[in-house]
Amino acid sequence: MKLLISNDDGIYALGIRVLANTLAEAGHDVTVVCPDRERSATGHGLTLHQPIRAEIVESVFHPSVRAWACDGTPSDCVKLALWALLDSPPDLVLSGINQGANVGTEVLYSGTVSAAMEGVIEGIPGLAFSLASYTCREFQPAADFAKKLVSQLGEKPLSELMLLNINIPPIPAEEIAGVTFTRQGIRRYVDVFERRVDPRGKNYYWLTGEVQEDLEPPEILGLPKNAPIDVRVIAKKYISVTPLQYNLTYGSGLERLLKNDMFSSIF
């Protein structure tokens, strides 16, 4: 399959190197276009007020991998690849393997998820891979799962256009309990801006905070009530696979508003 791979951890991150090399060694046609430095938590930001530059990168990946380092955001990288660098569209857009989980409400900020979602916006299925640890450096089990999934999708493509957000527990492959489809949970931060003083005596602020996870998400119309929650299954040593879309319309909210006709008294 023809694969485009990006990330938000940067061109020299171990996660993308293991992912790209594993897929190239499996015989896939792999192109990497990703930021030239870490661009985590950039969400779906785009560069609009300055030019975007991309440089060919050699001797970092498997010899068959074509790679560019871009000075833009993860979404910039995928857009640039699809519209300028590739000679034809890929079969899949992959992102990762991210250092750290992307679960619950974090997907709204994640550059990893946004890169893969950029493919979905352009009509190409996306896969976002994250290793659920900020310290574990064993990316091979996640890459091996990616290889199996890509092979399966080559034989049986997804029936609908979507993004699969995949989080792998940071444990040896033989300890992984299985794979399960999940729905988004809640991983919220109690945000705190710590005020500090620089050497010139001026105040600056550093965003810190404490994570609150495994909170029960509200019931949403159309979602299976018995579907497990991403945050919880990872803790139970399962790989979490959550299908995502870019349409953020709140279905049950829209349904209630249409029934109530709340604007009839205004116009």
Foldseek 3Di string as FASTA:
>chain_A
DEEEEEEQAADQDLWVQLQQQLQVVVPYQYEYFYAHHHRWQQAQDWDDPDDKDKDWDPDRHDPRYTYIHINIALLHRLVCCPPPVDPHDGQAYEYDQAQAACAAPNNRRGSQNNNRQSCLVVVHAYEGHYEHHNPQPPNNLVSVVVNVVVVVCVVPPDPDRWYKYKYAYRDDNVQQPEAFEAEGWHKDWPWDWDWDADPVGDIDTDIDTDIDTPDGDDDAPPDDPPGHYCVVVSVVRYMYIYIDHPDPDRVVVVVVCVVVVVCPVVD
